[in-house]
Each structure stands twice: as structure tokens, then as C-alpha cells.
Amino acid sequence: MSQVFSEETHRNLLSRIPQCTGREVSDWLRTVDEGPALFRFEEKVNWLRGAHDLAYGHAKAIIHEYDLRRAARKLL
């Protein structure tokens, strides 16, 4: 996983995504899941930004959250 923001900054960004984008974080995570099979963190961020016109920080927070949740599922 790529180095991202502090945990507090990450949570703050996630909480603002619905207001800034008009979509819930869960919708964005589903979009990433259904998107192209990219492997590198920055490739995913760049795809999300380009395909959905997101700010860099929001795209990075969404991809980081997606990776965190995917890793948590693997532990179960």
C-alpha cells in the first residue's frame, strides 16, 4: 500500500466525500471494485481521477479505504 495521509486526515477526507461528490463512500468503493484491474496504487488513483473527475485527495482516500477493506477481508 502506498503511503497516504495520517489516519485523522484520511477519516476527515472520507467524511467529506459525500458532500463534495454527491455520492457515498460505499458507492465509490463499488465503482473501484467494478473498475479496471489495476495493480499499482497510483494507477488506481489516476484512473479514478480521470474517469470521474475527482480531486486528488478524494481519489487517494477512496483507493486507500478500498485497499484497507480488501486487506481486512483477506484476514477473515
N, C-alpha and C. Protein backbone atom coordinates (compact mmCIF):
# COMPACT_ATOMS: atom_id res chain seq x y z
N MET A 1 0.84 -1.18 0.00
CA MET A 1 0.00 0.00 0.00
C MET A 1 0.88 1.24 0.00
N SER A 2 0.44 2.22 -0.69
CA SER A 2 1.20 3.46 -0.77
C SER A 2 1.04 4.26 0.51
N GLN A 3 2.04 5.09 0.75
CA GLN A 3 1.97 5.97 1.91
C GLN A 3 0.89 7.00 1.66
N VAL A 4 0.01 7.21 2.63
CA VAL A 4 -1.08 8.16 2.47
C VAL A 4 -1.09 9.14 3.62
N PHE A 5 -2.22 9.74 3.85
CA PHE A 5 -2.38 10.74 4.88
C PHE A 5 -2.38 10.10 6.27
N SER A 6 -2.33 10.95 7.30
CA SER A 6 -2.50 10.44 8.65
C SER A 6 -3.89 9.85 8.77
N GLU A 7 -4.11 9.02 9.76
CA GLU A 7 -5.42 8.39 9.96
C GLU A 7 -6.50 9.46 10.14
N GLU A 8 -6.20 10.50 10.88
CA GLU A 8 -7.18 11.57 11.11
C GLU A 8 -7.53 12.28 9.79
N THR A 9 -6.53 12.61 9.00
CA THR A 9 -6.78 13.27 7.72
C THR A 9 -7.58 12.36 6.80
N HIS A 10 -7.23 11.08 6.80
CA HIS A 10 -7.95 10.11 5.97
C HIS A 10 -9.43 10.08 6.35
N ARG A 11 -9.73 9.98 7.63
CA ARG A 11 -11.12 9.94 8.10
C ARG A 11 -11.86 11.25 7.76
N ASN A 12 -11.16 12.38 7.90
CA ASN A 12 -11.79 13.67 7.56
C ASN A 12 -12.12 13.74 6.07
N LEU A 13 -11.21 13.29 5.23
CA LEU A 13 -11.46 13.28 3.79
C LEU A 13 -12.65 12.38 3.47
N LEU A 14 -12.66 11.18 4.06
CA LEU A 14 -13.78 10.26 3.80
C LEU A 14 -15.12 10.88 4.21
N SER A 15 -15.13 11.57 5.32
CA SER A 15 -16.39 12.15 5.80
C SER A 15 -16.89 13.26 4.89
N ARG A 16 -15.99 13.91 4.14
CA ARG A 16 -16.39 15.00 3.24
C ARG A 16 -16.73 14.54 1.83
N ILE A 17 -16.37 13.31 1.49
CA ILE A 17 -16.59 12.83 0.12
C ILE A 17 -18.06 12.90 -0.30
N PRO A 18 -19.02 12.45 0.51
CA PRO A 18 -20.43 12.54 0.07
C PRO A 18 -20.86 13.98 -0.25
N GLN A 19 -20.46 14.91 0.56
CA GLN A 19 -20.83 16.31 0.36
C GLN A 19 -20.16 16.87 -0.90
N CYS A 20 -18.91 16.52 -1.12
CA CYS A 20 -18.15 17.08 -2.25
C CYS A 20 -18.47 16.40 -3.58
N THR A 21 -18.85 15.13 -3.54
CA THR A 21 -19.04 14.39 -4.79
C THR A 21 -20.49 14.04 -5.07
N GLY A 22 -21.34 14.12 -4.05
CA GLY A 22 -22.74 13.74 -4.24
C GLY A 22 -22.96 12.24 -4.19
N ARG A 23 -21.92 11.48 -3.84
CA ARG A 23 -22.01 10.01 -3.76
C ARG A 23 -21.41 9.54 -2.45
N GLU A 24 -21.99 8.49 -1.89
CA GLU A 24 -21.48 7.91 -0.65
C GLU A 24 -20.17 7.17 -0.92
N VAL A 25 -19.37 7.02 0.12
CA VAL A 25 -18.10 6.31 0.01
C VAL A 25 -18.34 4.88 -0.47
N SER A 26 -19.40 4.24 0.02
CA SER A 26 -19.70 2.87 -0.41
C SER A 26 -19.93 2.79 -1.91
N ASP A 27 -20.54 3.82 -2.50
CA ASP A 27 -20.73 3.86 -3.96
C ASP A 27 -19.38 3.95 -4.67
N TRP A 28 -18.50 4.77 -4.13
CA TRP A 28 -17.17 4.90 -4.74
C TRP A 28 -16.38 3.60 -4.62
N LEU A 29 -16.50 2.92 -3.50
CA LEU A 29 -15.78 1.65 -3.33
C LEU A 29 -16.30 0.61 -4.32
N ARG A 30 -17.58 0.61 -4.57
CA ARG A 30 -18.17 -0.29 -5.56
C ARG A 30 -17.67 0.07 -6.97
N THR A 31 -17.55 1.36 -7.25
CA THR A 31 -17.03 1.81 -8.53
C THR A 31 -15.61 1.32 -8.74
N VAL A 32 -14.79 1.40 -7.72
CA VAL A 32 -13.40 0.91 -7.82
C VAL A 32 -13.41 -0.60 -8.03
N ASP A 33 -14.25 -1.29 -7.29
CA ASP A 33 -14.32 -2.75 -7.42
C ASP A 33 -14.74 -3.18 -8.82
N GLU A 34 -15.61 -2.42 -9.44
CA GLU A 34 -16.11 -2.74 -10.77
C GLU A 34 -15.25 -2.15 -11.88
N GLY A 35 -14.25 -1.35 -11.50
CA GLY A 35 -13.39 -0.69 -12.48
C GLY A 35 -12.32 -1.62 -13.03
N PRO A 36 -11.39 -1.06 -13.78
CA PRO A 36 -10.34 -1.88 -14.40
C PRO A 36 -9.43 -2.52 -13.35
N ALA A 37 -8.85 -3.63 -13.70
CA ALA A 37 -7.97 -4.38 -12.79
C ALA A 37 -6.58 -3.77 -12.82
N LEU A 38 -6.42 -2.68 -12.10
CA LEU A 38 -5.12 -2.02 -11.99
C LEU A 38 -4.43 -2.49 -10.72
N PHE A 39 -3.11 -2.59 -10.75
CA PHE A 39 -2.39 -3.13 -9.61
C PHE A 39 -1.76 -2.07 -8.73
N ARG A 40 -1.19 -1.05 -9.32
CA ARG A 40 -0.47 -0.05 -8.53
C ARG A 40 -1.44 0.98 -7.96
N PHE A 41 -1.14 1.43 -6.75
CA PHE A 41 -1.96 2.40 -6.03
C PHE A 41 -2.18 3.65 -6.88
N GLU A 42 -1.10 4.24 -7.38
CA GLU A 42 -1.21 5.48 -8.14
C GLU A 42 -1.97 5.28 -9.45
N GLU A 43 -1.87 4.11 -10.06
CA GLU A 43 -2.66 3.83 -11.26
C GLU A 43 -4.15 3.89 -10.95
N LYS A 44 -4.52 3.31 -9.81
CA LYS A 44 -5.93 3.34 -9.40
C LYS A 44 -6.39 4.77 -9.12
N VAL A 45 -5.55 5.53 -8.42
CA VAL A 45 -5.88 6.92 -8.11
C VAL A 45 -6.05 7.71 -9.41
N ASN A 46 -5.10 7.57 -10.33
CA ASN A 46 -5.17 8.31 -11.59
C ASN A 46 -6.39 7.91 -12.42
N TRP A 47 -6.73 6.61 -12.44
CA TRP A 47 -7.92 6.18 -13.15
C TRP A 47 -9.16 6.82 -12.54
N LEU A 48 -9.29 6.78 -11.22
CA LEU A 48 -10.46 7.32 -10.55
C LEU A 48 -10.58 8.82 -10.80
N ARG A 49 -9.47 9.52 -10.74
CA ARG A 49 -9.48 10.96 -11.00
C ARG A 49 -9.92 11.26 -12.43
N GLY A 50 -9.33 10.55 -13.38
CA GLY A 50 -9.63 10.81 -14.78
C GLY A 50 -11.02 10.39 -15.20
N ALA A 51 -11.44 9.24 -14.76
CA ALA A 51 -12.74 8.70 -15.17
C ALA A 51 -13.91 9.40 -14.48
N HIS A 52 -13.67 9.96 -13.29
CA HIS A 52 -14.77 10.51 -12.50
C HIS A 52 -14.53 11.95 -12.03
N ASP A 53 -13.47 12.56 -12.55
CA ASP A 53 -13.20 13.98 -12.27
C ASP A 53 -13.17 14.29 -10.77
N LEU A 54 -12.43 13.48 -10.03
CA LEU A 54 -12.28 13.69 -8.59
C LEU A 54 -11.01 14.46 -8.27
N ALA A 55 -11.03 15.14 -7.15
CA ALA A 55 -9.82 15.78 -6.64
C ALA A 55 -8.83 14.69 -6.23
N TYR A 56 -7.55 15.01 -6.31
CA TYR A 56 -6.51 14.04 -5.99
C TYR A 56 -6.68 13.48 -4.57
N GLY A 57 -6.92 14.33 -3.59
CA GLY A 57 -7.05 13.87 -2.21
C GLY A 57 -8.22 12.93 -2.01
N HIS A 58 -9.34 13.23 -2.65
CA HIS A 58 -10.51 12.36 -2.53
C HIS A 58 -10.25 11.02 -3.19
N ALA A 59 -9.67 11.04 -4.38
CA ALA A 59 -9.37 9.78 -5.08
C ALA A 59 -8.40 8.94 -4.26
N LYS A 60 -7.40 9.57 -3.71
CA LYS A 60 -6.40 8.85 -2.91
C LYS A 60 -7.04 8.25 -1.66
N ALA A 61 -7.92 9.00 -1.02
CA ALA A 61 -8.60 8.49 0.18
C ALA A 61 -9.51 7.31 -0.16
N ILE A 62 -10.20 7.39 -1.29
CA ILE A 62 -11.09 6.30 -1.70
C ILE A 62 -10.28 5.04 -1.97
N ILE A 63 -9.20 5.17 -2.71
CA ILE A 63 -8.38 4.00 -3.04
C ILE A 63 -7.73 3.43 -1.78
N HIS A 64 -7.28 4.29 -0.89
CA HIS A 64 -6.69 3.80 0.37
C HIS A 64 -7.73 3.03 1.18
N GLU A 65 -8.94 3.57 1.27
CA GLU A 65 -10.00 2.89 2.01
C GLU A 65 -10.35 1.56 1.34
N TYR A 66 -10.39 1.55 0.02
CA TYR A 66 -10.65 0.31 -0.72
C TYR A 66 -9.59 -0.74 -0.38
N ASP A 67 -8.32 -0.34 -0.41
CA ASP A 67 -7.23 -1.27 -0.10
C ASP A 67 -7.29 -1.75 1.35
N LEU A 68 -7.63 -0.85 2.28
CA LEU A 68 -7.75 -1.25 3.69
C LEU A 68 -8.84 -2.30 3.87
N ARG A 69 -9.98 -2.07 3.25
CA ARG A 69 -11.11 -3.00 3.39
C ARG A 69 -10.81 -4.34 2.70
N ARG A 70 -10.15 -4.28 1.56
CA ARG A 70 -9.78 -5.51 0.86
C ARG A 70 -8.81 -6.33 1.71
N ALA A 71 -7.83 -5.67 2.33
CA ALA A 71 -6.87 -6.36 3.19
C ALA A 71 -7.58 -6.96 4.40
N ALA A 72 -8.56 -6.25 4.97
CA ALA A 72 -9.30 -6.75 6.12
C ALA A 72 -10.10 -8.01 5.75
N ARG A 73 -10.66 -8.02 4.53
CA ARG A 73 -11.42 -9.19 4.09
C ARG A 73 -10.51 -10.42 3.96
N LYS A 74 -9.29 -10.20 3.53
CA LYS A 74 -8.34 -11.31 3.37
C LYS A 74 -7.97 -11.93 4.72
N LEU A 75 -8.06 -11.14 5.78
CA LEU A 75 -7.70 -11.65 7.11
C LEU A 75 -8.80 -12.52 7.71
N LEU A 76 -10.00 -12.38 7.20
CA LEU A 76 -11.13 -13.14 7.76
C LEU A 76 -11.13 -14.57 7.31
